[in-house]
Amino acid sequence: MLKKFRGGFLLFFGYLLSPLCWWNDLFFNLPIAYFFGYLCSLISPSLLWPSSIAGYWLSNVAGILLMQIGALDIIQTQERNWQKELWTGVLSSTVYTIAIVVLVQLKILDTPNL
């Protein structure tokens, strides 16, 4: 029972960090990304924006991984292979990111002008 509760919590928290939640950026991902960029900018001020972008991507990847781990906690009863799950999550998140970049580059998805 505790494992299913933990899985539900991880699934919910992962959803809040994932790109599947449309309103999460303002409240979760952008502050996390800015904080990550700020920490990296203490090393070199020119790292603020690149590190913020990397932090944003990492927070989305973490959300997808947490969702995957939480869902597996809820539905899976057998022994788990953490290394395989981690690589599957990172690979699926990377494929998702590449797909979004390709759609933006092909002008299928529109981005706001900043």
N, C-alpha and C. Protein backbone atom coordinates (compact mmCIF):
# COMPACT_ATOMS: atom_id res chain seq x y z
N MET A 1 0.82 -1.20 0.00
CA MET A 1 0.00 0.00 0.00
C MET A 1 0.87 1.27 0.00
N LEU A 2 1.94 1.23 0.80
CA LEU A 2 2.83 2.39 0.86
C LEU A 2 3.52 2.63 -0.48
N LYS A 3 3.84 1.54 -1.18
CA LYS A 3 4.48 1.65 -2.49
C LYS A 3 3.54 2.31 -3.49
N LYS A 4 2.25 1.99 -3.45
CA LYS A 4 1.28 2.59 -4.35
C LYS A 4 1.06 4.07 -4.02
N PHE A 5 1.07 4.40 -2.72
CA PHE A 5 0.94 5.81 -2.32
C PHE A 5 2.15 6.61 -2.80
N ARG A 6 3.35 6.04 -2.62
CA ARG A 6 4.56 6.70 -3.10
C ARG A 6 4.51 6.86 -4.62
N GLY A 7 4.05 5.82 -5.31
CA GLY A 7 3.92 5.89 -6.76
C GLY A 7 2.96 6.98 -7.19
N GLY A 8 1.84 7.11 -6.49
CA GLY A 8 0.88 8.16 -6.81
C GLY A 8 1.47 9.55 -6.59
N PHE A 9 2.22 9.70 -5.50
CA PHE A 9 2.87 10.99 -5.23
C PHE A 9 3.89 11.33 -6.30
N LEU A 10 4.73 10.34 -6.68
CA LEU A 10 5.73 10.58 -7.72
C LEU A 10 5.07 10.86 -9.06
N LEU A 11 3.99 10.16 -9.35
CA LEU A 11 3.27 10.39 -10.61
C LEU A 11 2.71 11.81 -10.65
N PHE A 12 2.10 12.25 -9.55
CA PHE A 12 1.53 13.60 -9.49
C PHE A 12 2.63 14.67 -9.57
N PHE A 13 3.70 14.50 -8.78
CA PHE A 13 4.79 15.48 -8.78
C PHE A 13 5.49 15.50 -10.14
N GLY A 14 5.67 14.32 -10.74
CA GLY A 14 6.26 14.26 -12.07
C GLY A 14 5.40 14.94 -13.10
N TYR A 15 4.08 14.79 -12.98
CA TYR A 15 3.16 15.46 -13.90
C TYR A 15 3.32 16.98 -13.80
N LEU A 16 3.47 17.47 -12.59
CA LEU A 16 3.63 18.91 -12.41
C LEU A 16 4.93 19.43 -13.04
N LEU A 17 5.95 18.61 -13.10
CA LEU A 17 7.21 19.02 -13.71
C LEU A 17 7.28 18.71 -15.20
N SER A 18 6.44 17.83 -15.67
CA SER A 18 6.55 17.35 -17.06
C SER A 18 5.99 18.36 -18.06
N PRO A 19 6.33 18.20 -19.32
CA PRO A 19 5.77 19.07 -20.36
C PRO A 19 4.30 18.74 -20.67
N LEU A 20 3.75 17.70 -20.05
CA LEU A 20 2.35 17.36 -20.29
C LEU A 20 1.40 18.30 -19.55
N CYS A 21 1.88 18.96 -18.53
CA CYS A 21 1.08 19.90 -17.76
C CYS A 21 1.29 21.29 -18.36
N TRP A 22 0.24 21.88 -18.93
CA TRP A 22 0.39 23.10 -19.71
C TRP A 22 0.66 24.34 -18.87
N TRP A 23 0.28 24.35 -17.60
CA TRP A 23 0.43 25.56 -16.80
C TRP A 23 1.62 25.50 -15.85
N ASN A 24 2.38 24.42 -15.87
CA ASN A 24 3.43 24.22 -14.87
C ASN A 24 4.63 25.14 -15.03
N ASP A 25 4.89 25.62 -16.22
CA ASP A 25 6.11 26.39 -16.45
C ASP A 25 6.24 27.60 -15.55
N LEU A 26 5.18 28.35 -15.42
CA LEU A 26 5.23 29.59 -14.63
C LEU A 26 5.50 29.32 -13.16
N PHE A 27 4.93 28.26 -12.62
CA PHE A 27 5.03 28.00 -11.19
C PHE A 27 6.16 27.06 -10.80
N PHE A 28 6.56 26.17 -11.69
CA PHE A 28 7.56 25.16 -11.33
C PHE A 28 8.82 25.22 -12.19
N ASN A 29 8.69 24.98 -13.48
CA ASN A 29 9.85 24.77 -14.32
C ASN A 29 10.71 26.03 -14.50
N LEU A 30 10.10 27.17 -14.74
CA LEU A 30 10.90 28.38 -14.94
C LEU A 30 11.63 28.82 -13.67
N PRO A 31 11.00 28.78 -12.48
CA PRO A 31 11.79 29.10 -11.28
C PRO A 31 12.93 28.10 -11.04
N ILE A 32 12.68 26.81 -11.29
CA ILE A 32 13.75 25.82 -11.14
C ILE A 32 14.86 26.10 -12.15
N ALA A 33 14.49 26.39 -13.39
CA ALA A 33 15.48 26.67 -14.44
C ALA A 33 16.28 27.92 -14.10
N TYR A 34 15.61 28.97 -13.63
CA TYR A 34 16.31 30.20 -13.29
C TYR A 34 17.26 29.98 -12.12
N PHE A 35 16.82 29.22 -11.12
CA PHE A 35 17.68 28.94 -9.97
C PHE A 35 18.91 28.15 -10.40
N PHE A 36 18.72 27.17 -11.27
CA PHE A 36 19.84 26.39 -11.79
C PHE A 36 20.79 27.31 -12.57
N GLY A 37 20.23 28.19 -13.41
CA GLY A 37 21.05 29.14 -14.15
C GLY A 37 21.78 30.10 -13.24
N TYR A 38 21.10 30.54 -12.18
CA TYR A 38 21.72 31.45 -11.22
C TYR A 38 22.90 30.79 -10.53
N LEU A 39 22.72 29.53 -10.11
CA LEU A 39 23.83 28.82 -9.47
C LEU A 39 25.02 28.67 -10.41
N CYS A 40 24.74 28.37 -11.67
CA CYS A 40 25.82 28.24 -12.65
C CYS A 40 26.45 29.59 -12.97
N SER A 41 25.66 30.66 -12.88
CA SER A 41 26.21 31.99 -13.17
C SER A 41 27.16 32.48 -12.08
N LEU A 42 27.13 31.84 -10.93
CA LEU A 42 28.10 32.19 -9.89
C LEU A 42 29.51 31.79 -10.32
N ILE A 43 29.61 30.78 -11.17
CA ILE A 43 30.90 30.37 -11.73
C ILE A 43 31.33 31.36 -12.80
N SER A 44 30.40 31.66 -13.72
CA SER A 44 30.66 32.62 -14.80
C SER A 44 29.33 33.28 -15.18
N PRO A 45 29.27 34.62 -15.17
CA PRO A 45 28.01 35.29 -15.49
C PRO A 45 27.45 34.95 -16.87
N SER A 46 28.28 34.57 -17.79
CA SER A 46 27.79 34.25 -19.13
C SER A 46 27.06 32.90 -19.18
N LEU A 47 27.07 32.15 -18.09
CA LEU A 47 26.39 30.86 -18.05
C LEU A 47 24.92 30.95 -17.66
N LEU A 48 24.43 32.15 -17.34
CA LEU A 48 23.04 32.27 -16.85
C LEU A 48 22.03 31.72 -17.85
N TRP A 49 22.02 32.23 -19.08
CA TRP A 49 21.01 31.79 -20.05
C TRP A 49 21.21 30.36 -20.51
N PRO A 50 22.42 29.95 -20.90
CA PRO A 50 22.57 28.55 -21.30
C PRO A 50 22.22 27.56 -20.18
N SER A 51 22.60 27.91 -18.97
CA SER A 51 22.30 27.02 -17.84
C SER A 51 20.81 27.03 -17.50
N SER A 52 20.16 28.16 -17.69
CA SER A 52 18.72 28.21 -17.47
C SER A 52 17.98 27.33 -18.47
N ILE A 53 18.43 27.35 -19.71
CA ILE A 53 17.82 26.49 -20.73
C ILE A 53 18.07 25.02 -20.38
N ALA A 54 19.28 24.70 -19.97
CA ALA A 54 19.59 23.33 -19.57
C ALA A 54 18.78 22.93 -18.33
N GLY A 55 18.62 23.84 -17.39
CA GLY A 55 17.82 23.56 -16.20
C GLY A 55 16.36 23.33 -16.53
N TYR A 56 15.84 24.08 -17.49
CA TYR A 56 14.46 23.89 -17.93
C TYR A 56 14.28 22.50 -18.54
N TRP A 57 15.22 22.13 -19.42
CA TRP A 57 15.15 20.81 -20.03
C TRP A 57 15.27 19.72 -18.98
N LEU A 58 16.20 19.88 -18.04
CA LEU A 58 16.38 18.87 -16.99
C LEU A 58 15.14 18.74 -16.10
N SER A 59 14.47 19.86 -15.82
CA SER A 59 13.26 19.76 -14.99
C SER A 59 12.15 19.02 -15.73
N ASN A 60 12.05 19.20 -17.03
CA ASN A 60 11.07 18.45 -17.81
C ASN A 60 11.43 16.96 -17.87
N VAL A 61 12.71 16.66 -18.06
CA VAL A 61 13.15 15.27 -18.08
C VAL A 61 12.90 14.62 -16.71
N ALA A 62 13.19 15.35 -15.64
CA ALA A 62 12.92 14.83 -14.30
C ALA A 62 11.44 14.55 -14.11
N GLY A 63 10.58 15.42 -14.64
CA GLY A 63 9.15 15.18 -14.54
C GLY A 63 8.72 13.92 -15.25
N ILE A 64 9.24 13.70 -16.45
CA ILE A 64 8.89 12.49 -17.19
C ILE A 64 9.41 11.25 -16.46
N LEU A 65 10.63 11.32 -15.93
CA LEU A 65 11.18 10.19 -15.20
C LEU A 65 10.38 9.90 -13.93
N LEU A 66 9.99 10.94 -13.21
CA LEU A 66 9.19 10.74 -12.00
C LEU A 66 7.83 10.14 -12.33
N MET A 67 7.23 10.58 -13.44
CA MET A 67 5.96 9.99 -13.85
C MET A 67 6.14 8.51 -14.17
N GLN A 68 7.20 8.18 -14.85
CA GLN A 68 7.46 6.79 -15.21
C GLN A 68 7.67 5.94 -13.96
N ILE A 69 8.48 6.41 -13.04
CA ILE A 69 8.75 5.66 -11.80
C ILE A 69 7.47 5.52 -10.99
N GLY A 70 6.70 6.61 -10.88
CA GLY A 70 5.45 6.54 -10.13
C GLY A 70 4.44 5.58 -10.74
N ALA A 71 4.32 5.62 -12.06
CA ALA A 71 3.38 4.70 -12.72
C ALA A 71 3.81 3.25 -12.53
N LEU A 72 5.10 3.00 -12.61
CA LEU A 72 5.59 1.64 -12.40
C LEU A 72 5.39 1.19 -10.96
N ASP A 73 5.53 2.10 -10.01
CA ASP A 73 5.25 1.75 -8.61
C ASP A 73 3.79 1.34 -8.44
N ILE A 74 2.91 1.99 -9.15
CA ILE A 74 1.48 1.71 -9.00
C ILE A 74 1.09 0.40 -9.67
N ILE A 75 1.58 0.16 -10.89
CA ILE A 75 1.07 -0.98 -11.65
C ILE A 75 1.96 -2.21 -11.64
N GLN A 76 3.23 -2.07 -11.35
CA GLN A 76 4.14 -3.20 -11.46
C GLN A 76 4.36 -3.84 -10.09
N THR A 77 4.29 -5.17 -10.06
CA THR A 77 4.47 -5.88 -8.80
C THR A 77 5.77 -6.68 -8.77
N GLN A 78 6.40 -6.90 -9.91
CA GLN A 78 7.62 -7.71 -9.95
C GLN A 78 8.85 -6.84 -9.70
N GLU A 79 9.99 -7.50 -9.59
CA GLU A 79 11.27 -6.81 -9.37
C GLU A 79 11.57 -5.89 -10.55
N ARG A 80 12.16 -4.73 -10.25
CA ARG A 80 12.40 -3.72 -11.28
C ARG A 80 13.88 -3.59 -11.59
N ASN A 81 14.16 -3.22 -12.83
CA ASN A 81 15.53 -2.97 -13.29
C ASN A 81 15.69 -1.46 -13.40
N TRP A 82 16.28 -0.85 -12.37
CA TRP A 82 16.38 0.61 -12.31
C TRP A 82 17.22 1.18 -13.44
N GLN A 83 18.28 0.50 -13.80
CA GLN A 83 19.14 1.01 -14.87
C GLN A 83 18.38 1.05 -16.19
N LYS A 84 17.62 0.01 -16.48
CA LYS A 84 16.84 -0.02 -17.72
C LYS A 84 15.76 1.06 -17.70
N GLU A 85 15.10 1.23 -16.56
CA GLU A 85 14.06 2.26 -16.44
C GLU A 85 14.64 3.66 -16.62
N LEU A 86 15.80 3.90 -16.04
CA LEU A 86 16.43 5.22 -16.16
C LEU A 86 16.79 5.51 -17.61
N TRP A 87 17.42 4.55 -18.28
CA TRP A 87 17.79 4.76 -19.68
C TRP A 87 16.57 4.90 -20.57
N THR A 88 15.52 4.15 -20.30
CA THR A 88 14.29 4.27 -21.08
C THR A 88 13.69 5.66 -20.91
N GLY A 89 13.67 6.16 -19.67
CA GLY A 89 13.13 7.50 -19.41
C GLY A 89 13.95 8.60 -20.06
N VAL A 90 15.27 8.51 -19.94
CA VAL A 90 16.13 9.53 -20.55
C VAL A 90 16.01 9.48 -22.07
N LEU A 91 15.96 8.28 -22.63
CA LEU A 91 15.83 8.15 -24.08
C LEU A 91 14.50 8.70 -24.57
N SER A 92 13.41 8.37 -23.88
CA SER A 92 12.10 8.88 -24.32
C SER A 92 12.02 10.39 -24.16
N SER A 93 12.61 10.95 -23.11
CA SER A 93 12.61 12.41 -22.93
C SER A 93 13.45 13.10 -24.00
N THR A 94 14.56 12.49 -24.35
CA THR A 94 15.42 13.07 -25.39
C THR A 94 14.73 13.01 -26.75
N VAL A 95 14.06 11.91 -27.05
CA VAL A 95 13.32 11.80 -28.31
C VAL A 95 12.22 12.85 -28.35
N TYR A 96 11.52 13.06 -27.23
CA TYR A 96 10.48 14.09 -27.15
C TYR A 96 11.08 15.47 -27.42
N THR A 97 12.20 15.77 -26.80
CA THR A 97 12.84 17.08 -26.99
C THR A 97 13.26 17.27 -28.44
N ILE A 98 13.86 16.26 -29.03
CA ILE A 98 14.29 16.35 -30.43
C ILE A 98 13.08 16.55 -31.34
N ALA A 99 12.00 15.85 -31.07
CA ALA A 99 10.79 15.99 -31.88
C ALA A 99 10.25 17.42 -31.81
N ILE A 100 10.24 18.01 -30.64
CA ILE A 100 9.75 19.39 -30.49
C ILE A 100 10.68 20.36 -31.23
N VAL A 101 11.98 20.18 -31.12
CA VAL A 101 12.93 21.05 -31.82
C VAL A 101 12.74 20.94 -33.32
N VAL A 102 12.56 19.73 -33.83
CA VAL A 102 12.35 19.54 -35.27
C VAL A 102 11.05 20.21 -35.71
N LEU A 103 9.99 20.07 -34.93
CA LEU A 103 8.72 20.71 -35.28
C LEU A 103 8.83 22.23 -35.28
N VAL A 104 9.61 22.78 -34.38
CA VAL A 104 9.82 24.23 -34.34
C VAL A 104 10.67 24.66 -35.54
N GLN A 105 11.72 23.90 -35.84
CA GLN A 105 12.59 24.25 -36.96
C GLN A 105 11.87 24.16 -38.31
N LEU A 106 10.94 23.22 -38.43
CA LEU A 106 10.17 23.09 -39.66
C LEU A 106 8.97 24.05 -39.71
N LYS A 107 8.86 24.88 -38.68
CA LYS A 107 7.79 25.88 -38.56
C LYS A 107 6.40 25.25 -38.50
N ILE A 108 6.33 24.02 -37.99
CA ILE A 108 5.04 23.38 -37.75
C ILE A 108 4.47 23.88 -36.42
N LEU A 109 5.35 24.05 -35.43
CA LEU A 109 5.00 24.67 -34.17
C LEU A 109 5.51 26.10 -34.17
N ASP A 110 4.70 27.00 -33.69
CA ASP A 110 5.09 28.40 -33.63
C ASP A 110 5.57 28.73 -32.22
N THR A 111 6.63 29.52 -32.13
CA THR A 111 7.12 29.95 -30.83
C THR A 111 6.93 31.46 -30.72
N PRO A 112 6.72 31.94 -29.50
CA PRO A 112 6.58 33.39 -29.34
C PRO A 112 7.92 34.09 -29.57
N ASN A 113 7.85 35.30 -30.05
CA ASN A 113 9.05 36.10 -30.25
C ASN A 113 9.42 36.72 -28.92
N LEU A 114 10.63 36.42 -28.45
CA LEU A 114 11.09 36.98 -27.18
C LEU A 114 12.10 38.06 -27.45
